[in-house]
Structures are given as structure tokens and as C-alpha cells.
């Protein structure tokens, strides 16, 4: 993500709009800005595979977690 976003933004993966909105507002207030990264089921094959960049956090995401749960990964 550093290559894509540089040192200005921190990339965030989250399945919760409520969590994202709170984090984004807090980040803007403190000038610690975040960028919401795409987290769609279309990425499922990469997330659920043994891809080294995603396999460590894959249980945090997508429909395997109930909709009323919040999760986030930086």
C-alpha cells in the first residue's frame, strides 16, 4: 500500500461503513488521513488463497463474518 498511497494516507480494509465513517472523520480531524481500499467478494480467491500478503488477515473480512460485526485491518 505504501507504493499506491505513499506516506500521505494509510490504507484501510473494513467491511463496516459505520466503522469507516468514524475512522475517516477522526483521521481528518487529526490530519491522520485514511483511504478505504476495495474489499469485494471478487477478491475472494486472492484473500482465501495462501497469498502471503492477505492470508494472515483473511479471516477478518468478507461474508464469513456476520453483518453486525465490525472489523478493520491496516
N, C-alpha and C. Protein backbone atom coordinates (compact mmCIF):
# COMPACT_ATOMS: atom_id res chain seq x y z
N UNK A 1 0.79 -1.18 0.00
CA UNK A 1 0.00 0.00 0.00
C UNK A 1 0.85 1.26 0.00
N UNK A 2 2.04 1.19 0.52
CA UNK A 2 2.89 2.37 0.57
C UNK A 2 3.18 2.86 -0.85
N UNK A 3 3.36 1.94 -1.79
CA UNK A 3 3.61 2.33 -3.17
C UNK A 3 2.39 3.03 -3.74
N UNK A 4 1.21 2.50 -3.48
CA UNK A 4 -0.01 3.07 -4.03
C UNK A 4 -0.41 4.38 -3.36
N UNK A 5 -0.26 4.47 -2.05
CA UNK A 5 -0.77 5.63 -1.31
C UNK A 5 0.32 6.58 -0.83
N UNK A 6 1.56 6.15 -0.90
CA UNK A 6 2.64 6.99 -0.40
C UNK A 6 2.58 7.10 1.11
N UNK A 7 3.10 8.20 1.62
CA UNK A 7 3.12 8.40 3.07
C UNK A 7 2.05 9.37 3.54
N UNK A 8 1.12 9.72 2.65
CA UNK A 8 0.07 10.68 2.98
C UNK A 8 -1.12 10.00 3.63
N UNK A 9 -1.51 8.84 3.10
CA UNK A 9 -2.67 8.10 3.58
C UNK A 9 -2.27 6.75 4.13
N UNK A 10 -3.07 6.24 5.02
CA UNK A 10 -2.96 4.86 5.49
C UNK A 10 -4.11 4.08 4.87
N UNK A 11 -3.81 2.98 4.21
CA UNK A 11 -4.85 2.16 3.60
C UNK A 11 -5.61 1.37 4.65
N UNK A 12 -6.92 1.28 4.47
CA UNK A 12 -7.79 0.58 5.43
C UNK A 12 -8.70 -0.38 4.69
N UNK A 13 -8.77 -1.61 5.17
CA UNK A 13 -9.75 -2.58 4.71
C UNK A 13 -10.76 -2.75 5.82
N UNK A 14 -12.02 -2.50 5.54
CA UNK A 14 -13.06 -2.73 6.53
C UNK A 14 -14.37 -3.09 5.84
N UNK A 15 -15.16 -3.90 6.50
CA UNK A 15 -16.46 -4.27 5.97
C UNK A 15 -17.58 -3.49 6.65
N UNK A 16 -17.24 -2.51 7.43
CA UNK A 16 -18.21 -1.74 8.21
C UNK A 16 -18.22 -0.28 7.79
N UNK A 17 -19.34 0.18 7.24
CA UNK A 17 -19.47 1.59 6.89
C UNK A 17 -19.44 2.47 8.13
N UNK A 18 -20.05 2.01 9.21
CA UNK A 18 -20.07 2.78 10.45
C UNK A 18 -18.66 2.97 10.99
N UNK A 19 -17.89 1.92 11.02
CA UNK A 19 -16.52 2.00 11.49
C UNK A 19 -15.69 2.91 10.58
N UNK A 20 -15.86 2.74 9.27
CA UNK A 20 -15.13 3.57 8.32
C UNK A 20 -15.45 5.05 8.51
N UNK A 21 -16.72 5.39 8.64
CA UNK A 21 -17.10 6.79 8.80
C UNK A 21 -16.48 7.41 10.04
N UNK A 22 -16.50 6.71 11.15
CA UNK A 22 -15.89 7.21 12.37
C UNK A 22 -14.39 7.38 12.25
N UNK A 23 -13.74 6.40 11.65
CA UNK A 23 -12.29 6.46 11.48
C UNK A 23 -11.90 7.58 10.53
N UNK A 24 -12.63 7.72 9.45
CA UNK A 24 -12.35 8.76 8.47
C UNK A 24 -12.52 10.15 9.07
N UNK A 25 -13.58 10.37 9.82
CA UNK A 25 -13.81 11.66 10.46
C UNK A 25 -12.72 11.98 11.48
N UNK A 26 -12.35 10.99 12.29
CA UNK A 26 -11.30 11.20 13.28
C UNK A 26 -9.97 11.49 12.60
N UNK A 27 -9.69 10.78 11.52
CA UNK A 27 -8.44 10.99 10.80
C UNK A 27 -8.36 12.38 10.19
N UNK A 28 -9.45 12.86 9.62
CA UNK A 28 -9.46 14.20 9.06
C UNK A 28 -9.26 15.26 10.14
N UNK A 29 -9.89 15.05 11.27
CA UNK A 29 -9.78 15.99 12.39
C UNK A 29 -8.34 16.09 12.89
N UNK A 30 -7.66 14.96 12.96
CA UNK A 30 -6.29 14.90 13.48
C UNK A 30 -5.23 14.94 12.39
N UNK A 31 -5.67 15.12 11.15
CA UNK A 31 -4.78 15.11 9.99
C UNK A 31 -3.95 13.83 9.93
N UNK A 32 -4.62 12.72 10.19
CA UNK A 32 -4.05 11.38 10.07
C UNK A 32 -4.99 10.66 9.10
N UNK A 33 -4.78 10.88 7.83
CA UNK A 33 -5.77 10.51 6.82
C UNK A 33 -5.70 9.03 6.42
N UNK A 34 -6.87 8.50 6.11
CA UNK A 34 -7.04 7.10 5.71
C UNK A 34 -7.68 7.04 4.34
N UNK A 35 -7.42 5.93 3.64
CA UNK A 35 -8.02 5.69 2.34
C UNK A 35 -8.65 4.30 2.38
N UNK A 36 -9.93 4.23 2.08
CA UNK A 36 -10.62 2.94 2.13
C UNK A 36 -10.29 2.14 0.88
N UNK A 37 -9.74 0.98 1.09
CA UNK A 37 -9.35 0.10 -0.01
C UNK A 37 -10.54 -0.80 -0.38
N UNK A 38 -10.61 -1.23 -1.64
CA UNK A 38 -11.74 -2.08 -2.05
C UNK A 38 -11.69 -3.44 -1.37
N UNK A 39 -12.84 -3.88 -0.95
CA UNK A 39 -12.95 -5.18 -0.30
C UNK A 39 -14.23 -5.84 -0.80
N UNK A 40 -14.13 -6.44 -1.96
CA UNK A 40 -15.27 -7.04 -2.63
C UNK A 40 -15.08 -8.55 -2.72
N UNK A 41 -16.17 -9.26 -2.86
CA UNK A 41 -16.11 -10.71 -2.99
C UNK A 41 -15.31 -11.13 -4.22
N UNK A 42 -15.21 -10.24 -5.22
CA UNK A 42 -14.41 -10.55 -6.40
C UNK A 42 -12.95 -10.81 -6.05
N UNK A 43 -12.49 -10.27 -4.93
CA UNK A 43 -11.13 -10.52 -4.46
C UNK A 43 -11.04 -11.80 -3.63
N UNK A 44 -12.15 -12.47 -3.41
CA UNK A 44 -12.20 -13.67 -2.59
C UNK A 44 -11.14 -14.70 -2.91
N UNK A 45 -10.96 -15.08 -4.18
CA UNK A 45 -9.95 -16.09 -4.49
C UNK A 45 -8.55 -15.70 -4.00
N UNK A 46 -8.21 -14.43 -4.06
CA UNK A 46 -6.90 -14.00 -3.58
C UNK A 46 -6.86 -13.95 -2.05
N UNK A 47 -7.95 -13.54 -1.43
CA UNK A 47 -7.99 -13.42 0.02
C UNK A 47 -8.01 -14.80 0.68
N UNK A 48 -8.77 -15.72 0.11
CA UNK A 48 -8.91 -17.04 0.71
C UNK A 48 -7.78 -17.99 0.33
N UNK A 49 -6.91 -17.57 -0.61
CA UNK A 49 -5.79 -18.43 -1.00
C UNK A 49 -4.64 -18.27 -0.02
N UNK A 50 -3.52 -18.82 -0.36
CA UNK A 50 -2.35 -18.72 0.52
C UNK A 50 -1.47 -17.52 0.16
N UNK A 51 -2.03 -16.54 -0.52
CA UNK A 51 -1.31 -15.33 -0.88
C UNK A 51 -0.69 -14.72 0.38
N UNK A 52 0.60 -14.55 0.39
CA UNK A 52 1.31 -14.13 1.61
C UNK A 52 0.84 -12.79 2.14
N UNK A 53 0.44 -11.87 1.27
CA UNK A 53 0.03 -10.55 1.74
C UNK A 53 -1.34 -10.53 2.39
N UNK A 54 -2.19 -11.47 2.04
CA UNK A 54 -3.56 -11.42 2.53
C UNK A 54 -3.95 -12.57 3.44
N UNK A 55 -3.25 -13.67 3.41
CA UNK A 55 -3.69 -14.85 4.16
C UNK A 55 -3.69 -14.62 5.66
N UNK A 56 -2.85 -13.74 6.16
CA UNK A 56 -2.79 -13.50 7.60
C UNK A 56 -3.98 -12.73 8.14
N UNK A 57 -4.69 -12.02 7.28
CA UNK A 57 -5.83 -11.23 7.75
C UNK A 57 -7.14 -11.66 7.09
N UNK A 58 -7.11 -12.71 6.30
CA UNK A 58 -8.31 -13.07 5.53
C UNK A 58 -9.50 -13.40 6.41
N UNK A 59 -9.31 -13.90 7.60
CA UNK A 59 -10.45 -14.24 8.44
C UNK A 59 -11.16 -13.00 8.96
N UNK A 60 -10.55 -11.84 8.78
CA UNK A 60 -11.13 -10.58 9.23
C UNK A 60 -12.22 -10.09 8.28
N UNK A 61 -12.23 -10.57 7.06
CA UNK A 61 -13.04 -9.96 6.02
C UNK A 61 -14.13 -10.83 5.44
N UNK A 62 -14.96 -10.16 4.68
CA UNK A 62 -15.95 -10.72 3.77
C UNK A 62 -17.07 -11.48 4.48
N UNK A 63 -17.91 -12.16 3.74
CA UNK A 63 -19.16 -12.67 4.33
C UNK A 63 -19.01 -13.74 5.40
N UNK A 64 -17.83 -14.17 5.69
CA UNK A 64 -17.65 -15.17 6.74
C UNK A 64 -17.93 -14.59 8.12
N UNK A 65 -17.99 -13.27 8.20
CA UNK A 65 -18.26 -12.58 9.46
C UNK A 65 -19.69 -12.06 9.41
N UNK A 66 -20.44 -12.21 10.48
CA UNK A 66 -21.81 -11.69 10.48
C UNK A 66 -21.84 -10.20 10.19
N UNK A 67 -22.91 -9.75 9.55
CA UNK A 67 -23.02 -8.35 9.15
C UNK A 67 -22.98 -7.38 10.33
N UNK A 68 -23.38 -7.80 11.51
CA UNK A 68 -23.38 -6.88 12.64
C UNK A 68 -22.03 -6.79 13.33
N UNK A 69 -21.03 -7.49 12.79
CA UNK A 69 -19.67 -7.41 13.33
C UNK A 69 -18.91 -6.30 12.65
N UNK A 70 -17.97 -5.72 13.34
CA UNK A 70 -17.08 -4.72 12.76
C UNK A 70 -15.68 -5.28 12.73
N UNK A 71 -14.99 -5.02 11.66
CA UNK A 71 -13.59 -5.41 11.59
C UNK A 71 -12.85 -4.42 10.74
N UNK A 72 -11.58 -4.30 11.00
CA UNK A 72 -10.75 -3.37 10.25
C UNK A 72 -9.32 -3.91 10.24
N UNK A 73 -8.61 -3.62 9.16
CA UNK A 73 -7.21 -4.01 9.08
C UNK A 73 -6.46 -2.92 8.36
N UNK A 74 -5.30 -2.54 8.90
CA UNK A 74 -4.48 -1.50 8.28
C UNK A 74 -3.37 -2.15 7.51
